[in-house]
PDB file of all heavy atoms in Angstrom:
ATOM      1  N   ASN A   1     -54.795  45.792 -64.543  1.00  0.00           N
ATOM      2  CA  ASN A   1     -56.122  45.288 -64.213  1.00  0.00           C
ATOM      3  C   ASN A   1     -56.930  46.259 -63.373  1.00  0.00           C
ATOM      4  O   ASN A   1     -58.147  46.362 -63.524  1.00  0.00           O
ATOM      5  CB  ASN A   1     -56.036  44.009 -63.503  1.00  0.00           C
ATOM      6  CG  ASN A   1     -55.783  42.791 -64.436  1.00  0.00           C
ATOM      7  OD1 ASN A   1     -56.079  42.902 -65.666  1.00  0.00           O
ATOM      8  ND2 ASN A   1     -55.319  41.698 -63.951  1.00  0.00           N
ATOM      9  N   ALA A   2     -56.256  46.988 -62.466  1.00  0.00           N
ATOM     10  CA  ALA A   2     -56.985  47.923 -61.594  1.00  0.00           C
ATOM     11  C   ALA A   2     -57.683  49.045 -62.342  1.00  0.00           C
ATOM     12  O   ALA A   2     -58.698  49.594 -61.838  1.00  0.00           O
ATOM     13  CB  ALA A   2     -56.030  48.516 -60.552  1.00  0.00           C
ATOM     14  N   ALA A   3     -57.216  49.325 -63.533  1.00  0.00           N
ATOM     15  CA  ALA A   3     -57.824  50.389 -64.313  1.00  0.00           C
ATOM     16  C   ALA A   3     -58.940  49.907 -65.245  1.00  0.00           C
ATOM     17  O   ALA A   3     -59.437  50.724 -66.070  1.00  0.00           O
ATOM     18  CB  ALA A   3     -56.727  51.106 -65.150  1.00  0.00           C
ATOM     19  N   ARG A   4     -59.293  48.625 -65.130  1.00  0.00           N
ATOM     20  CA  ARG A   4     -60.253  48.081 -66.116  1.00  0.00           C
ATOM     21  C   ARG A   4     -61.423  47.402 -65.414  1.00  0.00           C
ATOM     22  O   ARG A   4     -61.251  46.916 -64.303  1.00  0.00           O
ATOM     23  CB  ARG A   4     -59.533  47.065 -67.054  1.00  0.00           C
ATOM     24  CG  ARG A   4     -58.811  47.786 -68.135  1.00  0.00           C
ATOM     25  CD  ARG A   4     -57.671  47.053 -68.760  1.00  0.00           C
ATOM     26  NE  ARG A   4     -57.049  47.894 -69.770  1.00  0.00           N
ATOM     27  CZ  ARG A   4     -56.245  48.927 -69.459  1.00  0.00           C
ATOM     28  NH1 ARG A   4     -55.926  49.172 -68.199  1.00  0.00           N
ATOM     29  NH2 ARG A   4     -55.703  49.663 -70.422  1.00  0.00           N
ATOM     30  N   PRO A   5     -62.573  47.306 -66.095  1.00  0.00           N
ATOM     31  CA  PRO A   5     -63.710  46.621 -65.505  1.00  0.00           C
ATOM     32  C   PRO A   5     -63.334  45.132 -65.394  1.00  0.00           C
ATOM     33  O   PRO A   5     -62.507  44.645 -66.118  1.00  0.00           O
ATOM     34  CB  PRO A   5     -64.861  46.868 -66.456  1.00  0.00           C
ATOM     35  CG  PRO A   5     -64.175  47.270 -67.726  1.00  0.00           C
ATOM     36  CD  PRO A   5     -62.938  47.956 -67.353  1.00  0.00           C
ATOM     37  N   GLU A   6     -64.071  44.451 -64.508  1.00  0.00           N
ATOM     38  CA  GLU A   6     -63.735  43.046 -64.210  1.00  0.00           C
ATOM     39  C   GLU A   6     -63.739  42.207 -65.463  1.00  0.00           C
ATOM     40  O   GLU A   6     -62.907  41.310 -65.617  1.00  0.00           O
ATOM     41  CB  GLU A   6     -64.680  42.492 -63.152  1.00  0.00           C
ATOM     42  CG  GLU A   6     -64.332  41.120 -62.695  1.00  0.00           C
ATOM     43  CD  GLU A   6     -65.190  40.672 -61.543  1.00  0.00           C
ATOM     44  OE1 GLU A   6     -65.926  41.501 -60.980  1.00  0.00           O
ATOM     45  OE2 GLU A   6     -65.035  39.493 -61.121  1.00  0.00           O
ATOM     46  N   ALA A   7     -64.651  42.443 -66.389  1.00  0.00           N
ATOM     47  CA  ALA A   7     -64.778  41.629 -67.603  1.00  0.00           C
ATOM     48  C   ALA A   7     -63.592  41.741 -68.525  1.00  0.00           C
ATOM     49  O   ALA A   7     -63.366  40.899 -69.356  1.00  0.00           O
ATOM     50  CB  ALA A   7     -66.039  42.011 -68.322  1.00  0.00           C
ATOM     51  N   GLU A   8     -62.801  42.829 -68.394  1.00  0.00           N
ATOM     52  CA  GLU A   8     -61.633  43.045 -69.241  1.00  0.00           C
ATOM     53  C   GLU A   8     -60.299  42.693 -68.568  1.00  0.00           C
ATOM     54  O   GLU A   8     -59.256  42.830 -69.166  1.00  0.00           O
ATOM     55  CB  GLU A   8     -61.586  44.510 -69.711  1.00  0.00           C
ATOM     56  CG  GLU A   8     -62.775  44.929 -70.618  1.00  0.00           C
ATOM     57  CD  GLU A   8     -62.644  46.329 -71.055  1.00  0.00           C
ATOM     58  OE1 GLU A   8     -61.586  46.987 -70.826  1.00  0.00           O
ATOM     59  OE2 GLU A   8     -63.577  46.864 -71.716  1.00  0.00           O
ATOM     60  N   ARG A   9     -60.335  42.259 -67.316  1.00  0.00           N
ATOM     61  CA  ARG A   9     -59.146  41.960 -66.653  1.00  0.00           C
ATOM     62  C   ARG A   9     -58.480  40.655 -67.122  1.00  0.00           C
ATOM     63  O   ARG A   9     -59.164  39.726 -67.492  1.00  0.00           O
ATOM     64  CB  ARG A   9     -59.400  41.954 -65.150  1.00  0.00           C
ATOM     65  CG  ARG A   9     -59.723  43.295 -64.568  1.00  0.00           C
ATOM     66  CD  ARG A   9     -60.118  43.257 -63.127  1.00  0.00           C
ATOM     67  NE  ARG A   9     -60.564  44.580 -62.671  1.00  0.00           N
ATOM     68  CZ  ARG A   9     -61.113  44.786 -61.469  1.00  0.00           C
ATOM     69  NH1 ARG A   9     -61.266  43.775 -60.598  1.00  0.00           N
ATOM     70  NH2 ARG A   9     -61.483  46.035 -61.139  1.00  0.00           N
ATOM     71  N   LEU A  10     -57.176  40.635 -67.109  1.00  0.00           N
ATOM     72  CA  LEU A  10     -56.380  39.466 -67.491  1.00  0.00           C
ATOM     73  C   LEU A  10     -56.089  38.580 -66.269  1.00  0.00           C
ATOM     74  O   LEU A  10     -56.089  39.061 -65.146  1.00  0.00           O
ATOM     75  CB  LEU A  10     -55.155  39.900 -68.214  1.00  0.00           C
ATOM     76  CG  LEU A  10     -55.358  40.822 -69.383  1.00  0.00           C
ATOM     77  CD1 LEU A  10     -54.068  41.351 -69.992  1.00  0.00           C
ATOM     78  CD2 LEU A  10     -56.210  40.146 -70.486  1.00  0.00           C
ATOM     79  N   HIS A  11     -55.758  37.314 -66.558  1.00  0.00           N
ATOM     80  CA  HIS A  11     -55.656  36.365 -65.401  1.00  0.00           C
ATOM     81  C   HIS A  11     -54.303  35.625 -65.459  1.00  0.00           C
ATOM     82  O   HIS A  11     -53.836  35.197 -66.487  1.00  0.00           O
ATOM     83  CB  HIS A  11     -56.807  35.306 -65.588  1.00  0.00           C
ATOM     84  CG  HIS A  11     -58.161  35.951 -65.566  1.00  0.00           C
ATOM     85  ND1 HIS A  11     -58.888  36.205 -64.432  1.00  0.00           N
ATOM     86  CD2 HIS A  11     -58.959  36.365 -66.634  1.00  0.00           C
ATOM     87  CE1 HIS A  11     -60.023  36.747 -64.699  1.00  0.00           C
ATOM     88  NE2 HIS A  11     -60.106  36.854 -66.019  1.00  0.00           N
ATOM     89  N   VAL A  12     -53.765  35.512 -64.240  1.00  0.00           N
ATOM     90  CA  VAL A  12     -52.481  34.829 -64.045  1.00  0.00           C
ATOM     91  C   VAL A  12     -52.743  33.311 -64.133  1.00  0.00           C
ATOM     92  O   VAL A  12     -53.625  32.774 -63.484  1.00  0.00           O
ATOM     93  CB  VAL A  12     -51.859  35.149 -62.697  1.00  0.00           C
ATOM     94  CG1 VAL A  12     -50.620  34.314 -62.426  1.00  0.00           C
ATOM     95  CG2 VAL A  12     -51.534  36.639 -62.615  1.00  0.00           C
ATOM     96  N   ARG A  13     -51.945  32.625 -64.952  1.00  0.00           N
ATOM     97  CA  ARG A  13     -52.025  31.208 -65.013  1.00  0.00           C
ATOM     98  C   ARG A  13     -50.881  30.499 -64.225  1.00  0.00           C
ATOM     99  O   ARG A  13     -51.130  29.472 -63.588  1.00  0.00           O
ATOM    100  CB  ARG A  13     -51.923  30.721 -66.479  1.00  0.00           C
ATOM    101  CG  ARG A  13     -53.060  31.262 -67.355  1.00  0.00           C
ATOM    102  CD  ARG A  13     -54.451  30.819 -66.888  1.00  0.00           C
ATOM    103  NE  ARG A  13     -54.725  29.472 -67.278  1.00  0.00           N
ATOM    104  CZ  ARG A  13     -55.287  29.125 -68.428  1.00  0.00           C
ATOM    105  NH1 ARG A  13     -55.642  29.990 -69.328  1.00  0.00           N
ATOM    106  NH2 ARG A  13     -55.531  27.810 -68.653  1.00  0.00           N
ATOM    107  N   GLN A  14     -49.726  31.122 -64.220  1.00  0.00           N
ATOM    108  CA  GLN A  14     -48.594  30.533 -63.436  1.00  0.00           C
ATOM    109  C   GLN A  14     -47.447  31.554 -63.414  1.00  0.00           C
ATOM    110  O   GLN A  14     -47.340  32.453 -64.249  1.00  0.00           O
ATOM    111  CB  GLN A  14     -48.100  29.241 -64.086  1.00  0.00           C
ATOM    112  CG  GLN A  14     -47.529  29.388 -65.462  1.00  0.00           C
ATOM    113  CD  GLN A  14     -48.023  28.343 -66.418  1.00  0.00           C
ATOM    114  OE1 GLN A  14     -49.202  28.296 -66.711  1.00  0.00           O
ATOM    115  NE2 GLN A  14     -47.134  27.454 -66.869  1.00  0.00           N
ATOM    116  N   ARG A  15     -46.556  31.351 -62.410  1.00  0.00           N
ATOM    117  CA  ARG A  15     -45.335  32.133 -62.347  1.00  0.00           C
ATOM    118  C   ARG A  15     -44.297  31.467 -63.248  1.00  0.00           C
ATOM    119  O   ARG A  15     -44.112  30.250 -63.221  1.00  0.00           O
ATOM    120  CB  ARG A  15     -44.819  32.248 -60.899  1.00  0.00           C
ATOM    121  CG  ARG A  15     -43.606  33.117 -60.756  1.00  0.00           C
ATOM    122  CD  ARG A  15     -43.256  33.281 -59.275  1.00  0.00           C
ATOM    123  NE  ARG A  15     -42.539  32.105 -58.791  1.00  0.00           N
ATOM    124  CZ  ARG A  15     -42.221  31.943 -57.513  1.00  0.00           C
ATOM    125  NH1 ARG A  15     -42.550  32.865 -56.642  1.00  0.00           N
ATOM    126  NH2 ARG A  15     -41.546  30.848 -57.130  1.00  0.00           N
ATOM    127  N   VAL A  16     -43.550  32.298 -63.998  1.00  0.00           N
ATOM    128  CA  VAL A  16     -42.518  31.729 -64.894  1.00  0.00           C
ATOM    129  C   VAL A  16     -41.143  32.178 -64.476  1.00  0.00           C
ATOM    130  O   VAL A  16     -40.121  31.512 -64.927  1.00  0.00           O
ATOM    131  CB  VAL A  16     -42.784  32.119 -66.351  1.00  0.00           C
ATOM    132  CG1 VAL A  16     -44.112  31.494 -66.828  1.00  0.00           C
ATOM    133  CG2 VAL A  16     -42.811  33.582 -66.562  1.00  0.00           C
ATOM    134  N   ALA A  17     -41.004  33.210 -63.655  1.00  0.00           N
ATOM    135  CA  ALA A  17     -39.621  33.612 -63.244  1.00  0.00           C
ATOM    136  C   ALA A  17     -39.765  34.525 -62.065  1.00  0.00           C
ATOM    137  O   ALA A  17     -40.754  35.304 -61.900  1.00  0.00           O
ATOM    138  CB  ALA A  17     -38.920  34.338 -64.347  1.00  0.00           C
ATOM    139  N   ARG A  18     -38.795  34.492 -61.194  1.00  0.00           N
ATOM    140  CA  ARG A  18     -38.653  35.388 -60.028  1.00  0.00           C
ATOM    141  C   ARG A  18     -37.221  35.785 -59.866  1.00  0.00           C
ATOM    142  O   ARG A  18     -36.326  34.905 -59.837  1.00  0.00           O
ATOM    143  CB  ARG A  18     -39.165  34.717 -58.782  1.00  0.00           C
ATOM    144  CG  ARG A  18     -39.246  35.640 -57.543  1.00  0.00           C
ATOM    145  CD  ARG A  18     -39.836  34.928 -56.370  1.00  0.00           C
ATOM    146  NE  ARG A  18     -40.107  35.808 -55.222  1.00  0.00           N
ATOM    147  CZ  ARG A  18     -39.186  36.110 -54.310  1.00  0.00           C
ATOM    148  NH1 ARG A  18     -37.964  35.581 -54.383  1.00  0.00           N
ATOM    149  NH2 ARG A  18     -39.491  36.952 -53.341  1.00  0.00           N
ATOM    150  N   MET A  19     -36.876  37.077 -59.869  1.00  0.00           N
ATOM    151  CA  MET A  19     -35.504  37.504 -59.878  1.00  0.00           C
ATOM    152  C   MET A  19     -35.283  38.744 -59.081  1.00  0.00           C
ATOM    153  O   MET A  19     -36.065  39.687 -59.140  1.00  0.00           O
ATOM    154  CB  MET A  19     -35.070  37.737 -61.351  1.00  0.00           C
ATOM    155  CG  MET A  19     -35.729  38.944 -61.977  1.00  0.00           C
ATOM    156  SD  MET A  19     -36.072  38.719 -63.775  1.00  0.00           S
ATOM    157  CE  MET A  19     -37.552  37.756 -63.712  1.00  0.00           C
ATOM    158  N   PRO A  20     -34.251  38.777 -58.239  1.00  0.00           N
ATOM    159  CA  PRO A  20     -33.819  40.025 -57.588  1.00  0.00           C
ATOM    160  C   PRO A  20     -33.184  40.963 -58.629  1.00  0.00           C
ATOM    161  O   PRO A  20     -32.631  40.465 -59.607  1.00  0.00           O
ATOM    162  CB  PRO A  20     -32.794  39.576 -56.534  1.00  0.00           C
ATOM    163  CG  PRO A  20     -32.253  38.320 -57.089  1.00  0.00           C
ATOM    164  CD  PRO A  20     -33.364  37.648 -57.863  1.00  0.00           C
ATOM    165  N   THR A  21     -33.358  42.289 -58.443  1.00  0.00           N
ATOM    166  CA  THR A  21     -32.739  43.188 -59.307  1.00  0.00           C
ATOM    167  C   THR A  21     -31.821  44.189 -58.559  1.00  0.00           C
ATOM    168  O   THR A  21     -31.975  44.302 -57.305  1.00  0.00           O
ATOM    169  CB  THR A  21     -33.825  44.021 -60.095  1.00  0.00           C
ATOM    170  OG1 THR A  21     -34.653  44.712 -59.104  1.00  0.00           O
ATOM    171  CG2 THR A  21     -34.669  43.110 -60.954  1.00  0.00           C
ATOM    172  N   TYR A  22     -30.971  44.813 -59.274  1.00  0.00           N
ATOM    173  CA  TYR A  22     -29.890  45.593 -58.661  1.00  0.00           C
ATOM    174  C   TYR A  22     -29.728  46.894 -59.454  1.00  0.00           C
ATOM    175  O   TYR A  22     -30.170  47.054 -60.585  1.00  0.00           O
ATOM    176  CB  TYR A  22     -28.532  44.862 -58.750  1.00  0.00           C
ATOM    177  CG  TYR A  22     -28.615  43.419 -58.164  1.00  0.00           C
ATOM    178  CD1 TYR A  22     -29.148  42.388 -58.991  1.00  0.00           C
ATOM    179  CD2 TYR A  22     -28.163  43.150 -56.924  1.00  0.00           C
ATOM    180  CE1 TYR A  22     -29.235  41.076 -58.490  1.00  0.00           C
ATOM    181  CE2 TYR A  22     -28.245  41.824 -56.439  1.00  0.00           C
ATOM    182  CZ  TYR A  22     -28.746  40.837 -57.249  1.00  0.00           C
ATOM    183  OH  TYR A  22     -28.883  39.560 -56.744  1.00  0.00           O
ATOM    184  N   ALA A  23     -29.023  47.868 -58.794  1.00  0.00           N
ATOM    185  CA  ALA A  23     -28.587  49.048 -59.545  1.00  0.00           C
ATOM    186  C   ALA A  23     -27.211  48.746 -60.126  1.00  0.00           C
ATOM    187  O   ALA A  23     -26.383  48.095 -59.514  1.00  0.00           O
ATOM    188  CB  ALA A  23     -28.470  50.201 -58.570  1.00  0.00           C
ATOM    189  N   CYS A  24     -27.048  49.136 -61.389  1.00  0.00           N
ATOM    190  CA  CYS A  24     -25.753  48.918 -62.079  1.00  0.00           C
ATOM    191  C   CYS A  24     -25.033  50.216 -62.216  1.00  0.00           C
ATOM    192  O   CYS A  24     -25.556  51.203 -62.746  1.00  0.00           O
ATOM    193  CB  CYS A  24     -26.092  48.304 -63.435  1.00  0.00           C
ATOM    194  SG  CYS A  24     -24.591  47.824 -64.415  1.00  0.00           S
ATOM    195  N   VAL A  25     -23.781  50.261 -61.747  1.00  0.00           N
ATOM    196  CA  VAL A  25     -22.959  51.479 -61.741  1.00  0.00           C
ATOM    197  C   VAL A  25     -21.985  51.499 -62.915  1.00  0.00           C
ATOM    198  O   VAL A  25     -21.336  50.517 -63.187  1.00  0.00           O
ATOM    199  CB  VAL A  25     -22.164  51.576 -60.377  1.00  0.00           C
ATOM    200  CG1 VAL A  25     -21.290  52.791 -60.428  1.00  0.00           C
ATOM    201  CG2 VAL A  25     -23.115  51.572 -59.214  1.00  0.00           C
ATOM    202  N   SER A  26     -21.997  52.618 -63.643  1.00  0.00           N
ATOM    203  CA  SER A  26     -21.174  52.711 -64.840  1.00  0.00           C
ATOM    204  C   SER A  26     -19.687  52.649 -64.477  1.00  0.00           C
ATOM    205  O   SER A  26     -19.253  53.362 -63.554  1.00  0.00           O
ATOM    206  CB  SER A  26     -21.495  53.995 -65.557  1.00  0.00           C
ATOM    207  OG  SER A  26     -20.516  54.264 -66.610  1.00  0.00           O
ATOM    208  N   PRO A  27     -18.922  51.944 -65.238  1.00  0.00           N
ATOM    209  CA  PRO A  27     -17.420  51.976 -65.003  1.00  0.00           C
ATOM    210  C   PRO A  27     -16.771  53.235 -65.452  1.00  0.00           C
ATOM    211  O   PRO A  27     -15.588  53.474 -65.110  1.00  0.00           O
ATOM    212  CB  PRO A  27     -16.966  50.792 -65.901  1.00  0.00           C
ATOM    213  CG  PRO A  27     -17.961  50.651 -66.983  1.00  0.00           C
ATOM    214  CD  PRO A  27     -19.285  51.027 -66.330  1.00  0.00           C
ATOM    215  N   ARG A  28     -17.476  54.101 -66.132  1.00  0.00           N
ATOM    216  CA  ARG A  28     -16.932  55.326 -66.612  1.00  0.00           C
ATOM    217  C   ARG A  28     -17.621  56.562 -66.007  1.00  0.00           C
ATOM    218  O   ARG A  28     -17.519  57.688 -66.566  1.00  0.00           O
ATOM    219  CB  ARG A  28     -16.986  55.417 -68.162  1.00  0.00           C
ATOM    220  CG  ARG A  28     -16.013  54.431 -68.835  1.00  0.00           C
ATOM    221  CD  ARG A  28     -16.111  54.504 -70.341  1.00  0.00           C
ATOM    222  NE  ARG A  28     -15.080  53.706 -70.980  1.00  0.00           N
ATOM    223  CZ  ARG A  28     -15.156  52.432 -71.202  1.00  0.00           C
ATOM    224  NH1 ARG A  28     -16.263  51.778 -70.867  1.00  0.00           N
ATOM    225  NH2 ARG A  28     -14.161  51.768 -71.791  1.00  0.00           N
ATOM    226  N   SER A  29     -18.307  56.365 -64.917  1.00  0.00           N
ATOM    227  CA  SER A  29     -18.927  57.491 -64.228  1.00  0.00           C
ATOM    228  C   SER A  29     -17.885  58.450 -63.626  1.00  0.00           C
ATOM    229  O   SER A  29     -16.766  58.001 -63.242  1.00  0.00           O
ATOM    230  CB  SER A  29     -19.851  56.942 -63.119  1.00  0.00           C
ATOM    231  OG  SER A  29     -20.302  58.054 -62.284  1.00  0.00           O
ATOM    232  N   ALA A  30     -18.172  59.726 -63.506  1.00  0.00           N
ATOM    233  CA  ALA A  30     -17.298  60.686 -62.827  1.00  0.00           C
ATOM    234  C   ALA A  30     -17.369  60.390 -61.349  1.00  0.00           C
ATOM    235  O   ALA A  30     -16.482  60.908 -60.595  1.00  0.00           O
ATOM    236  CB  ALA A  30     -17.763  62.097 -63.115  1.00  0.00           C
ATOM    237  N   TRP A  31     -18.358  59.668 -60.832  1.00  0.00           N
ATOM    238  CA  TRP A  31     -18.355  59.264 -59.445  1.00  0.00           C
ATOM    239  C   TRP A  31     -17.570  58.004 -59.258  1.00  0.00           C
ATOM    240  O   TRP A  31     -17.664  57.135 -60.077  1.00  0.00           O
ATOM    241  CB  TRP A  31     -19.814  58.995 -59.027  1.00  0.00           C
ATOM    242  CG  TRP A  31     -20.696  60.169 -58.898  1.00  0.00           C
ATOM    243  CD1 TRP A  31     -21.311  60.828 -59.949  1.00  0.00           C
ATOM    244  CD2 TRP A  31     -21.112  60.896 -57.740  1.00  0.00           C
ATOM    245  NE1 TRP A  31     -22.069  61.855 -59.465  1.00  0.00           N
ATOM    246  CE2 TRP A  31     -21.965  61.916 -58.099  1.00  0.00           C
ATOM    247  CE3 TRP A  31     -20.834  60.674 -56.425  1.00  0.00           C
ATOM    248  CZ2 TRP A  31     -22.581  62.757 -57.185  1.00  0.00           C
ATOM    249  CZ3 TRP A  31     -21.430  61.534 -55.432  1.00  0.00           C
ATOM    250  CH2 TRP A  31     -22.264  62.565 -55.849  1.00  0.00           C
ATOM    251  N   PRO A  32     -16.780  57.936 -58.179  1.00  0.00           N
ATOM    252  CA  PRO A  32     -16.084  56.628 -57.938  1.00  0.00           C
ATOM    253  C   PRO A  32     -17.081  55.513 -57.711  1.00  0.00           C
ATOM    254  O   PRO A  32     -18.084  55.668 -57.004  1.00  0.00           O
ATOM    255  CB  PRO A  32     -15.332  56.902 -56.593  1.00  0.00           C
ATOM    256  CG  PRO A  32     -15.192  58.397 -56.539  1.00  0.00           C
ATOM    257  CD  PRO A  32     -16.389  58.954 -57.204  1.00  0.00           C
ATOM    258  N   GLN A  33     -16.878  54.412 -58.387  1.00  0.00           N
ATOM    259  CA  GLN A  33     -17.782  53.283 -58.280  1.00  0.00           C
ATOM    260  C   GLN A  33     -17.998  52.861 -56.843  1.00  0.00           C
ATOM    261  O   GLN A  33     -19.122  52.576 -56.444  1.00  0.00           O
ATOM    262  CB  GLN A  33     -17.284  52.095 -59.143  1.00  0.00           C
ATOM    263  CG  GLN A  33     -17.577  52.198 -60.618  1.00  0.00           C
ATOM    264  CD  GLN A  33     -17.208  50.933 -61.282  1.00  0.00           C
ATOM    265  OE1 GLN A  33     -16.177  50.260 -61.100  1.00  0.00           O
ATOM    266  NE2 GLN A  33     -18.169  50.466 -62.126  1.00  0.00           N
TER     267      GLN A  33
END
C-alpha cells in the first residue's frame, strides 16, 4: 500500500491468523544441529 496512491490501496477487513515463526535446522547439515 505504501507504494500506491490512496485510491489504489487495499483494505484490511479482519485478521484470520497469527503465528510465531522459527528457523528450521536441517537434520543433514554439516553443522551440528
